[in-house]
Amino acid sequence: MLRVYSAQNIFDVYNVKHALESRGIECEIRGEHLSAGLGDLPPIECWAGLWIVEDSMKELAERIVASGGAQPAKPWTCPKCEESVDGEFGQCWNCQAYRPS
């Protein structure tokens, strides 16, 4: 296992975790609850870390982390009303139909 990312804010770590998992990279968060040790431990040691399971995925994981994690979602066309919907939305703004899987 290799650590590929760490951050003070646990939400940042989870965002990167989801970005890696969406590309098929198995990973886990370690040290999520170490913030309780602040004051007794050095602050940076209390940050949560993201570890990948397969060492062979290191290059891809590092590229994803360096790019900010998220890929821009592609627009889609609603199957019900044929409205164009921005990629970050999972539901049509016009008729409330859900994005097809």
PDB file of N, CA and C in Angstrom:
ATOM      1  N   MET A   1       0.851  -1.185   0.000  1.00  0.00           N
ATOM      2  CA  MET A   1       0.000   0.000   0.000  1.00  0.00           C
ATOM      3  C   MET A   1       0.888   1.236   0.000  1.00  0.00           C
ATOM      4  N   LEU A   2       0.429   2.242  -0.726  1.00  0.00           N
ATOM      5  CA  LEU A   2       1.168   3.498  -0.816  1.00  0.00           C
ATOM      6  C   LEU A   2       0.257   4.672  -0.490  1.00  0.00           C
ATOM      7  N   ARG A   3       0.784   5.646   0.240  1.00  0.00           N
ATOM      8  CA  ARG A   3       0.014   6.857   0.503  1.00  0.00           C
ATOM      9  C   ARG A   3       0.207   7.786  -0.691  1.00  0.00           C
ATOM     10  N   VAL A   4      -0.901   8.247  -1.252  1.00  0.00           N
ATOM     11  CA  VAL A   4      -0.844   9.123  -2.422  1.00  0.00           C
ATOM     12  C   VAL A   4      -1.377  10.518  -2.138  1.00  0.00           C
ATOM     13  N   TYR A   5      -2.004  10.700  -0.972  1.00  0.00           N
ATOM     14  CA  TYR A   5      -2.596  12.001  -0.681  1.00  0.00           C
ATOM     15  C   TYR A   5      -2.866  12.121   0.811  1.00  0.00           C
ATOM     16  N   SER A   6      -2.748  13.329   1.325  1.00  0.00           N
ATOM     17  CA  SER A   6      -3.167  13.611   2.697  1.00  0.00           C
ATOM     18  C   SER A   6      -3.606  15.062   2.755  1.00  0.00           C
ATOM     19  N   ALA A   7      -4.502  15.363   3.669  1.00  0.00           N
ATOM     20  CA  ALA A   7      -5.005  16.731   3.808  1.00  0.00           C
ATOM     21  C   ALA A   7      -5.540  16.924   5.217  1.00  0.00           C
ATOM     22  N   GLN A   8      -5.527  18.173   5.636  1.00  0.00           N
ATOM     23  CA  GLN A   8      -6.053  18.513   6.948  1.00  0.00           C
ATOM     24  C   GLN A   8      -7.575  18.361   6.968  1.00  0.00           C
ATOM     25  N   ASN A   9      -8.210  18.679   5.842  1.00  0.00           N
ATOM     26  CA  ASN A   9      -9.665  18.623   5.739  1.00  0.00           C
ATOM     27  C   ASN A   9     -10.085  17.240   5.236  1.00  0.00           C
ATOM     28  N   ILE A  10     -10.821  16.502   6.046  1.00  0.00           N
ATOM     29  CA  ILE A  10     -11.238  15.140   5.694  1.00  0.00           C
ATOM     30  C   ILE A  10     -12.122  15.115   4.446  1.00  0.00           C
ATOM     31  N   PHE A  11     -12.852  16.207   4.196  1.00  0.00           N
ATOM     32  CA  PHE A  11     -13.716  16.260   3.015  1.00  0.00           C
ATOM     33  C   PHE A  11     -12.882  16.246   1.733  1.00  0.00           C
ATOM     34  N   ASP A  12     -11.723  16.892   1.753  1.00  0.00           N
ATOM     35  CA  ASP A  12     -10.822  16.852   0.594  1.00  0.00           C
ATOM     36  C   ASP A  12     -10.331  15.432   0.346  1.00  0.00           C
ATOM     37  N   VAL A  13     -10.021  14.727   1.401  1.00  0.00           N
ATOM     38  CA  VAL A  13      -9.539  13.352   1.276  1.00  0.00           C
ATOM     39  C   VAL A  13     -10.636  12.470   0.679  1.00  0.00           C
ATOM     40  N   TYR A  14     -11.863  12.632   1.146  1.00  0.00           N
ATOM     41  CA  TYR A  14     -12.971  11.840   0.601  1.00  0.00           C
ATOM     42  C   TYR A  14     -13.233  12.165  -0.867  1.00  0.00           C
ATOM     43  N   ASN A  15     -13.112  13.433  -1.254  1.00  0.00           N
ATOM     44  CA  ASN A  15     -13.302  13.801  -2.659  1.00  0.00           C
ATOM     45  C   ASN A  15     -12.285  13.107  -3.555  1.00  0.00           C
ATOM     46  N   VAL A  16     -11.036  13.101  -3.137  1.00  0.00           N
ATOM     47  CA  VAL A  16     -10.000  12.440  -3.926  1.00  0.00           C
ATOM     48  C   VAL A  16     -10.229  10.927  -3.925  1.00  0.00           C
ATOM     49  N   LYS A  17     -10.656  10.381  -2.803  1.00  0.00           N
ATOM     50  CA  LYS A  17     -10.953   8.938  -2.713  1.00  0.00           C
ATOM     51  C   LYS A  17     -12.021   8.554  -3.733  1.00  0.00           C
ATOM     52  N   HIS A  18     -13.071   9.343  -3.815  1.00  0.00           N
ATOM     53  CA  HIS A  18     -14.143   9.047  -4.772  1.00  0.00           C
ATOM     54  C   HIS A  18     -13.653   9.179  -6.210  1.00  0.00           C
ATOM     55  N   ALA A  19     -12.786  10.157  -6.467  1.00  0.00           N
ATOM     56  CA  ALA A  19     -12.226  10.307  -7.815  1.00  0.00           C
ATOM     57  C   ALA A  19     -11.393   9.095  -8.199  1.00  0.00           C
ATOM     58  N   LEU A  20     -10.582   8.591  -7.278  1.00  0.00           N
ATOM     59  CA  LEU A  20      -9.775   7.408  -7.568  1.00  0.00           C
ATOM     60  C   LEU A  20     -10.654   6.172  -7.748  1.00  0.00           C
ATOM     61  N   GLU A  21     -11.615   5.984  -6.871  1.00  0.00           N
ATOM     62  CA  GLU A  21     -12.489   4.809  -6.969  1.00  0.00           C
ATOM     63  C   GLU A  21     -13.314   4.824  -8.250  1.00  0.00           C
ATOM     64  N   SER A  22     -13.701   6.010  -8.712  1.00  0.00           N
ATOM     65  CA  SER A  22     -14.488   6.082  -9.947  1.00  0.00           C
ATOM     66  C   SER A  22     -13.671   5.661 -11.161  1.00  0.00           C
ATOM     67  N   ARG A  23     -12.349   5.618 -11.007  1.00  0.00           N
ATOM     68  CA  ARG A  23     -11.472   5.169 -12.080  1.00  0.00           C
ATOM     69  C   ARG A  23     -10.922   3.770 -11.815  1.00  0.00           C
ATOM     70  N   GLY A  24     -11.513   3.084 -10.859  1.00  0.00           N
ATOM     71  CA  GLY A  24     -11.156   1.693 -10.592  1.00  0.00           C
ATOM     72  C   GLY A  24      -9.953   1.483  -9.711  1.00  0.00           C
ATOM     73  N   ILE A  25      -9.533   2.508  -8.986  1.00  0.00           N
ATOM     74  CA  ILE A  25      -8.374   2.379  -8.098  1.00  0.00           C
ATOM     75  C   ILE A  25      -8.879   2.141  -6.679  1.00  0.00           C
ATOM     76  N   GLU A  26      -8.573   0.964  -6.161  1.00  0.00           N
ATOM     77  CA  GLU A  26      -8.996   0.616  -4.803  1.00  0.00           C
ATOM     78  C   GLU A  26      -8.132   1.370  -3.795  1.00  0.00           C
ATOM     79  N   CYS A  27      -8.769   2.037  -2.846  1.00  0.00           N
ATOM     80  CA  CYS A  27      -8.021   2.825  -1.867  1.00  0.00           C
ATOM     81  C   CYS A  27      -8.765   2.877  -0.539  1.00  0.00           C
ATOM     82  N   GLU A  28      -8.051   3.331   0.483  1.00  0.00           N
ATOM     83  CA  GLU A  28      -8.668   3.467   1.801  1.00  0.00           C
ATOM     84  C   GLU A  28      -8.082   4.673   2.524  1.00  0.00           C
ATOM     85  N   ILE A  29      -8.869   5.209   3.427  1.00  0.00           N
ATOM     86  CA  ILE A  29      -8.450   6.351   4.230  1.00  0.00           C
ATOM     87  C   ILE A  29      -7.926   5.832   5.557  1.00  0.00           C
ATOM     88  N   ARG A  30      -6.775   6.350   5.956  1.00  0.00           N
ATOM     89  CA  ARG A  30      -6.184   5.988   7.249  1.00  0.00           C
ATOM     90  C   ARG A  30      -5.963   7.262   8.059  1.00  0.00           C
ATOM     91  N   GLY A  31      -6.084   7.144   9.358  1.00  0.00           N
ATOM     92  CA  GLY A  31      -5.832   8.278  10.244  1.00  0.00           C
ATOM     93  C   GLY A  31      -6.966   9.273  10.302  1.00  0.00           C
ATOM     94  N   GLU A  32      -8.145   8.832   9.915  1.00  0.00           N
ATOM     95  CA  GLU A  32      -9.306   9.720   9.858  1.00  0.00           C
ATOM     96  C   GLU A  32      -9.642  10.327  11.221  1.00  0.00           C
ATOM     97  N   HIS A  33      -9.374   9.607  12.294  1.00  0.00           N
ATOM     98  CA  HIS A  33      -9.765  10.064  13.630  1.00  0.00           C
ATOM     99  C   HIS A  33      -8.586  10.565  14.464  1.00  0.00           C
ATOM    100  N   LEU A  34      -7.461  10.790  13.827  1.00  0.00           N
ATOM    101  CA  LEU A  34      -6.288  11.254  14.558  1.00  0.00           C
ATOM    102  C   LEU A  34      -6.387  12.714  15.005  1.00  0.00           C
ATOM    103  N   SER A  35      -7.342  13.453  14.467  1.00  0.00           N
ATOM    104  CA  SER A  35      -7.469  14.859  14.863  1.00  0.00           C
ATOM    105  C   SER A  35      -7.714  14.995  16.368  1.00  0.00           C
ATOM    106  N   ALA A  36      -8.186  13.941  16.996  1.00  0.00           N
ATOM    107  CA  ALA A  36      -8.386  13.964  18.451  1.00  0.00           C
ATOM    108  C   ALA A  36      -7.049  14.078  19.186  1.00  0.00           C
ATOM    109  N   GLY A  37      -5.956  13.747  18.507  1.00  0.00           N
ATOM    110  CA  GLY A  37      -4.645  13.809  19.126  1.00  0.00           C
ATOM    111  C   GLY A  37      -3.945  15.146  18.972  1.00  0.00           C
ATOM    112  N   LEU A  38      -4.605  16.113  18.347  1.00  0.00           N
ATOM    113  CA  LEU A  38      -3.988  17.435  18.180  1.00  0.00           C
ATOM    114  C   LEU A  38      -3.573  17.993  19.532  1.00  0.00           C
ATOM    115  N   GLY A  39      -2.383  18.515  19.578  1.00  0.00           N
ATOM    116  CA  GLY A  39      -1.840  19.031  20.830  1.00  0.00           C
ATOM    117  C   GLY A  39      -0.830  18.071  21.418  1.00  0.00           C
ATOM    118  N   ASP A  40      -1.118  16.784  21.303  1.00  0.00           N
ATOM    119  CA  ASP A  40      -0.179  15.763  21.772  1.00  0.00           C
ATOM    120  C   ASP A  40       0.699  15.257  20.630  1.00  0.00           C
ATOM    121  N   LEU A  41       0.182  15.368  19.413  1.00  0.00           N
ATOM    122  CA  LEU A  41       0.905  14.924  18.226  1.00  0.00           C
ATOM    123  C   LEU A  41       1.175  16.123  17.321  1.00  0.00           C
ATOM    124  N   PRO A  42       2.204  16.056  16.483  1.00  0.00           N
ATOM    125  CA  PRO A  42       2.421  17.139  15.522  1.00  0.00           C
ATOM    126  C   PRO A  42       1.201  17.273  14.596  1.00  0.00           C
ATOM    127  N   PRO A  43       0.800  18.501  14.275  1.00  0.00           N
ATOM    128  CA  PRO A  43      -0.423  18.699  13.476  1.00  0.00           C
ATOM    129  C   PRO A  43      -0.460  17.917  12.174  1.00  0.00           C
ATOM    130  N   ILE A  44       0.629  17.888  11.432  1.00  0.00           N
ATOM    131  CA  ILE A  44       0.614  17.192  10.141  1.00  0.00           C
ATOM    132  C   ILE A  44       0.443  15.684  10.315  1.00  0.00           C
ATOM    133  N   GLU A  45       0.833  15.151  11.462  1.00  0.00           N
ATOM    134  CA  GLU A  45       0.646  13.726  11.732  1.00  0.00           C
ATOM    135  C   GLU A  45      -0.819  13.387  11.995  1.00  0.00           C
ATOM    136  N   CYS A  46      -1.634  14.392  12.213  1.00  0.00           N
ATOM    137  CA  CYS A  46      -3.056  14.184  12.484  1.00  0.00           C
ATOM    138  C   CYS A  46      -3.911  14.278  11.226  1.00  0.00           C
ATOM    139  N   TRP A  47      -3.300  14.551  10.092  1.00  0.00           N
ATOM    140  CA  TRP A  47      -4.036  14.629   8.837  1.00  0.00           C
ATOM    141  C   TRP A  47      -4.411  13.220   8.373  1.00  0.00           C
ATOM    142  N   ALA A  48      -5.569  13.100   7.764  1.00  0.00           N
ATOM    143  CA  ALA A  48      -5.987  11.826   7.178  1.00  0.00           C
ATOM    144  C   ALA A  48      -5.188  11.584   5.903  1.00  0.00           C
ATOM    145  N   GLY A  49      -4.872  10.325   5.649  1.00  0.00           N
ATOM    146  CA  GLY A  49      -4.124   9.966   4.448  1.00  0.00           C
ATOM    147  C   GLY A  49      -4.914   9.008   3.579  1.00  0.00           C
ATOM    148  N   LEU A  50      -4.704   9.111   2.277  1.00  0.00           N
ATOM    149  CA  LEU A  50      -5.362   8.229   1.325  1.00  0.00           C
ATOM    150  C   LEU A  50      -4.321   7.268   0.767  1.00  0.00           C
ATOM    151  N   TRP A  51      -4.588   5.993   0.925  1.00  0.00           N
ATOM    152  CA  TRP A  51      -3.652   4.941   0.541  1.00  0.00           C
ATOM    153  C   TRP A  51      -4.264   4.090  -0.564  1.00  0.00           C
ATOM    154  N   ILE A  52      -3.460   3.789  -1.589  1.00  0.00           N
ATOM    155  CA  ILE A  52      -3.934   2.885  -2.648  1.00  0.00           C
ATOM    156  C   ILE A  52      -3.485   1.469  -2.322  1.00  0.00           C
ATOM    157  N   VAL A  53      -4.309   0.512  -2.682  1.00  0.00           N
ATOM    158  CA  VAL A  53      -4.048  -0.893  -2.374  1.00  0.00           C
ATOM    159  C   VAL A  53      -3.004  -1.480  -3.328  1.00  0.00           C
ATOM    160  N   GLU A  54      -3.129  -1.191  -4.612  1.00  0.00           N
ATOM    161  CA  GLU A  54      -2.221  -1.740  -5.625  1.00  0.00           C
ATOM    162  C   GLU A  54      -1.112  -0.746  -5.932  1.00  0.00           C
ATOM    163  N   ASP A  55       0.114  -1.105  -5.616  1.00  0.00           N
ATOM    164  CA  ASP A  55       1.254  -0.228  -5.890  1.00  0.00           C
ATOM    165  C   ASP A  55       1.382   0.090  -7.377  1.00  0.00           C
ATOM    166  N   SER A  56       0.940  -0.817  -8.221  1.00  0.00           N
ATOM    167  CA  SER A  56       1.058  -0.624  -9.673  1.00  0.00           C
ATOM    168  C   SER A  56       0.179   0.522 -10.183  1.00  0.00           C
ATOM    169  N   MET A  57      -0.753   0.979  -9.387  1.00  0.00           N
ATOM    170  CA  MET A  57      -1.647   2.078  -9.774  1.00  0.00           C
ATOM    171  C   MET A  57      -1.107   3.439  -9.344  1.00  0.00           C
ATOM    172  N   LYS A  58       0.118   3.476  -8.841  1.00  0.00           N
ATOM    173  CA  LYS A  58       0.687   4.705  -8.289  1.00  0.00           C
ATOM    174  C   LYS A  58       0.712   5.857  -9.295  1.00  0.00           C
ATOM    175  N   GLU A  59       1.213   5.621 -10.499  1.00  0.00           N
ATOM    176  CA  GLU A  59       1.317   6.698 -11.489  1.00  0.00           C
ATOM    177  C   GLU A  59      -0.041   7.284 -11.832  1.00  0.00           C
ATOM    178  N   LEU A  60      -1.004   6.426 -12.100  1.00  0.00           N
ATOM    179  CA  LEU A  60      -2.348   6.902 -12.436  1.00  0.00           C
ATOM    180  C   LEU A  60      -2.948   7.670 -11.261  1.00  0.00           C
ATOM    181  N   ALA A  61      -2.808   7.146 -10.063  1.00  0.00           N
ATOM    182  CA  ALA A  61      -3.348   7.808  -8.874  1.00  0.00           C
ATOM    183  C   ALA A  61      -2.712   9.182  -8.685  1.00  0.00           C
ATOM    184  N   GLU A  62      -1.407   9.272  -8.874  1.00  0.00           N
ATOM    185  CA  GLU A  62      -0.720  10.554  -8.713  1.00  0.00           C
ATOM    186  C   GLU A  62      -1.159  11.563  -9.768  1.00  0.00           C
ATOM    187  N   ARG A  63      -1.411  11.098 -10.986  1.00  0.00           N
ATOM    188  CA  ARG A  63      -1.910  12.010 -12.034  1.00  0.00           C
ATOM    189  C   ARG A  63      -3.296  12.537 -11.679  1.00  0.00           C
ATOM    190  N   ILE A  64      -4.147  11.663 -11.159  1.00  0.00           N
ATOM    191  CA  ILE A  64      -5.500  12.078 -10.773  1.00  0.00           C
ATOM    192  C   ILE A  64      -5.435  13.075  -9.629  1.00  0.00           C
ATOM    193  N   VAL A  65      -4.593  12.803  -8.644  1.00  0.00           N
ATOM    194  CA  VAL A  65      -4.427  13.723  -7.508  1.00  0.00           C
ATOM    195  C   VAL A  65      -3.904  15.068  -7.999  1.00  0.00           C
ATOM    196  N   ALA A  66      -2.910  15.063  -8.890  1.00  0.00           N
ATOM    197  CA  ALA A  66      -2.317  16.303  -9.397  1.00  0.00           C
ATOM    198  C   ALA A  66      -3.306  17.119 -10.217  1.00  0.00           C
ATOM    199  N   SER A  67      -4.241  16.440 -10.884  1.00  0.00           N
ATOM    200  CA  SER A  67      -5.214  17.155 -11.711  1.00  0.00           C
ATOM    201  C   SER A  67      -6.379  17.707 -10.895  1.00  0.00           C
ATOM    202  N   GLY A  68      -6.367  17.467  -9.607  1.00  0.00           N
ATOM    203  CA  GLY A  68      -7.444  17.965  -8.760  1.00  0.00           C
ATOM    204  C   GLY A  68      -8.509  16.922  -8.483  1.00  0.00           C
ATOM    205  N   GLY A  69      -8.372  15.750  -9.057  1.00  0.00           N
ATOM    206  CA  GLY A  69      -9.276  14.656  -8.746  1.00  0.00           C
ATOM    207  C   GLY A  69     -10.483  14.539  -9.653  1.00  0.00           C
ATOM    208  N   ALA A  70     -11.244  15.572  -9.775  1.00  0.00           N
ATOM    209  CA  ALA A  70     -12.509  15.475 -10.490  1.00  0.00           C
ATOM    210  C   ALA A  70     -12.335  15.667 -11.991  1.00  0.00           C
ATOM    211  N   GLN A  71     -13.053  14.871 -12.757  1.00  0.00           N
ATOM    212  CA  GLN A  71     -13.124  15.060 -14.195  1.00  0.00           C
ATOM    213  C   GLN A  71     -14.412  15.813 -14.488  1.00  0.00           C
ATOM    214  N   PRO A  72     -14.373  16.756 -15.424  1.00  0.00           N
ATOM    215  CA  PRO A  72     -15.618  17.422 -15.768  1.00  0.00           C
ATOM    216  C   PRO A  72     -16.598  16.421 -16.367  1.00  0.00           C
ATOM    217  N   ALA A  73     -17.808  16.455 -15.886  1.00  0.00           N
ATOM    218  CA  ALA A  73     -18.833  15.534 -16.378  1.00  0.00           C
ATOM    219  C   ALA A  73     -19.363  16.025 -17.720  1.00  0.00           C
ATOM    220  N   LYS A  74     -19.687  15.094 -18.588  1.00  0.00           N
ATOM    221  CA  LYS A  74     -20.184  15.439 -19.916  1.00  0.00           C
ATOM    222  C   LYS A  74     -21.684  15.716 -19.861  1.00  0.00           C
ATOM    223  N   PRO A  75     -22.136  16.686 -20.650  1.00  0.00           N
ATOM    224  CA  PRO A  75     -23.580  16.946 -20.713  1.00  0.00           C
ATOM    225  C   PRO A  75     -24.315  15.711 -21.235  1.00  0.00           C
ATOM    226  N   TRP A  76     -25.576  15.604 -20.881  1.00  0.00           N
ATOM    227  CA  TRP A  76     -26.369  14.477 -21.326  1.00  0.00           C
ATOM    228  C   TRP A  76     -27.731  14.972 -21.785  1.00  0.00           C
ATOM    229  N   THR A  77     -28.437  14.141 -22.542  1.00  0.00           N
ATOM    230  CA  THR A  77     -29.761  14.490 -23.048  1.00  0.00           C
ATOM    231  C   THR A  77     -30.807  13.688 -22.298  1.00  0.00           C
ATOM    232  N   CYS A  78     -31.795  14.382 -21.796  1.00  0.00           N
ATOM    233  CA  CYS A  78     -32.864  13.733 -21.039  1.00  0.00           C
ATOM    234  C   CYS A  78     -33.629  12.765 -21.945  1.00  0.00           C
ATOM    235  N   PRO A  79     -33.812  11.521 -21.513  1.00  0.00           N
ATOM    236  CA  PRO A  79     -34.536  10.550 -22.336  1.00  0.00           C
ATOM    237  C   PRO A  79     -36.043  10.832 -22.408  1.00  0.00           C
ATOM    238  N   LYS A  80     -36.551  11.614 -21.469  1.00  0.00           N
ATOM    239  CA  LYS A  80     -37.997  11.873 -21.420  1.00  0.00           C
ATOM    240  C   LYS A  80     -38.386  13.092 -22.261  1.00  0.00           C
ATOM    241  N   CYS A  81     -37.679  14.223 -22.054  1.00  0.00           N
ATOM    242  CA  CYS A  81     -38.073  15.462 -22.745  1.00  0.00           C
ATOM    243  C   CYS A  81     -37.031  15.960 -23.739  1.00  0.00           C
ATOM    244  N   GLU A  82     -35.900  15.232 -23.846  1.00  0.00           N
ATOM    245  CA  GLU A  82     -34.816  15.541 -24.770  1.00  0.00           C
ATOM    246  C   GLU A  82     -34.151  16.889 -24.515  1.00  0.00           C
ATOM    247  N   GLU A  83     -34.235  17.363 -23.296  1.00  0.00           N
ATOM    248  CA  GLU A  83     -33.566  18.600 -22.896  1.00  0.00           C
ATOM    249  C   GLU A  83     -32.083  18.315 -22.659  1.00  0.00           C
ATOM    250  N   SER A  84     -31.231  19.268 -23.001  1.00  0.00           N
ATOM    251  CA  SER A  84     -29.805  19.143 -22.720  1.00  0.00           C
ATOM    252  C   SER A  84     -29.562  19.534 -21.266  1.00  0.00           C
ATOM    253  N   VAL A  85     -28.820  18.671 -20.540  1.00  0.00           N
ATOM    254  CA  VAL A  85     -28.580  18.880 -19.108  1.00  0.00           C
ATOM    255  C   VAL A  85     -27.078  18.856 -18.858  1.00  0.00           C
ATOM    256  N   ASP A  86     -26.565  19.803 -18.067  1.00  0.00           N
ATOM    257  CA  ASP A  86     -25.142  19.829 -17.725  1.00  0.00           C
ATOM    258  C   ASP A  86     -24.754  18.547 -16.996  1.00  0.00           C
ATOM    259  N   GLY A  87     -23.526  18.103 -17.206  1.00  0.00           N
ATOM    260  CA  GLY A  87     -23.052  16.826 -16.709  1.00  0.00           C
ATOM    261  C   GLY A  87     -23.048  16.647 -15.212  1.00  0.00           C
ATOM    262  N   GLU A  88     -22.932  17.737 -14.452  1.00  0.00           N
ATOM    263  CA  GLU A  88     -22.872  17.579 -12.997  1.00  0.00           C
ATOM    264  C   GLU A  88     -24.227  17.286 -12.366  1.00  0.00           C
ATOM    265  N   PHE A  89     -25.293  17.370 -13.171  1.00  0.00           N
ATOM    266  CA  PHE A  89     -26.633  17.112 -12.637  1.00  0.00           C
ATOM    267  C   PHE A  89     -27.081  15.694 -12.958  1.00  0.00           C
ATOM    268  N   GLY A  90     -27.726  15.061 -12.006  1.00  0.00           N
ATOM    269  CA  GLY A  90     -28.221  13.705 -12.180  1.00  0.00           C
ATOM    270  C   GLY A  90     -29.702  13.648 -12.476  1.00  0.00           C
ATOM    271  N   GLN A  91     -30.320  14.838 -12.561  1.00  0.00           N
ATOM    272  CA  GLN A  91     -31.755  14.903 -12.800  1.00  0.00           C
ATOM    273  C   GLN A  91     -32.032  16.059 -13.757  1.00  0.00           C
ATOM    274  N   CYS A  92     -32.961  15.864 -14.670  1.00  0.00           N
ATOM    275  CA  CYS A  92     -33.326  16.892 -15.647  1.00  0.00           C
ATOM    276  C   CYS A  92     -33.980  18.076 -14.949  1.00  0.00           C
ATOM    277  N   TRP A  93     -33.531  19.274 -15.286  1.00  0.00           N
ATOM    278  CA  TRP A  93     -34.105  20.475 -14.661  1.00  0.00           C
ATOM    279  C   TRP A  93     -35.500  20.754 -15.191  1.00  0.00           C
ATOM    280  N   ASN A  94     -35.823  20.254 -16.375  1.00  0.00           N
ATOM    281  CA  ASN A  94     -37.091  20.557 -17.020  1.00  0.00           C
ATOM    282  C   ASN A  94     -38.227  19.633 -16.576  1.00  0.00           C
ATOM    283  N   CYS A  95     -37.970  18.321 -16.582  1.00  0.00           N
ATOM    284  CA  CYS A  95     -39.048  17.370 -16.279  1.00  0.00           C
ATOM    285  C   CYS A  95     -38.763  16.501 -15.058  1.00  0.00           C
ATOM    286  N   GLN A  96     -37.605  16.686 -14.428  1.00  0.00           N
ATOM    287  CA  GLN A  96     -37.176  15.954 -13.228  1.00  0.00           C
ATOM    288  C   GLN A  96     -36.914  14.463 -13.461  1.00  0.00           C
ATOM    289  N   ALA A  97     -36.776  14.048 -14.707  1.00  0.00           N
ATOM    290  CA  ALA A  97     -36.406  12.662 -14.982  1.00  0.00           C
ATOM    291  C   ALA A  97     -34.940  12.461 -14.576  1.00  0.00           C
ATOM    292  N   TYR A  98     -34.610  11.254 -14.138  1.00  0.00           N
ATOM    293  CA  TYR A  98     -33.252  10.974 -13.709  1.00  0.00           C
ATOM    294  C   TYR A  98     -32.357  10.626 -14.881  1.00  0.00           C
ATOM    295  N   ARG A  99     -31.094  10.924 -14.735  1.00  0.00           N
ATOM    296  CA  ARG A  99     -30.083  10.616 -15.743  1.00  0.00           C
ATOM    297  C   ARG A  99     -30.035   9.100 -15.942  1.00  0.00           C
ATOM    298  N   PRO A 100     -30.004   8.640 -17.191  1.00  0.00           N
ATOM    299  CA  PRO A 100     -29.896   7.187 -17.396  1.00  0.00           C
ATOM    300  C   PRO A 100     -28.532   6.686 -16.944  1.00  0.00           C
ATOM    301  N   SER A 101     -28.484   5.468 -16.436  1.00  0.00           N
ATOM    302  CA  SER A 101     -27.206   4.932 -15.931  1.00  0.00           C
ATOM    303  C   SER A 101     -26.386   4.318 -17.035  1.00  0.00           C
TER     304      SER A 101
END
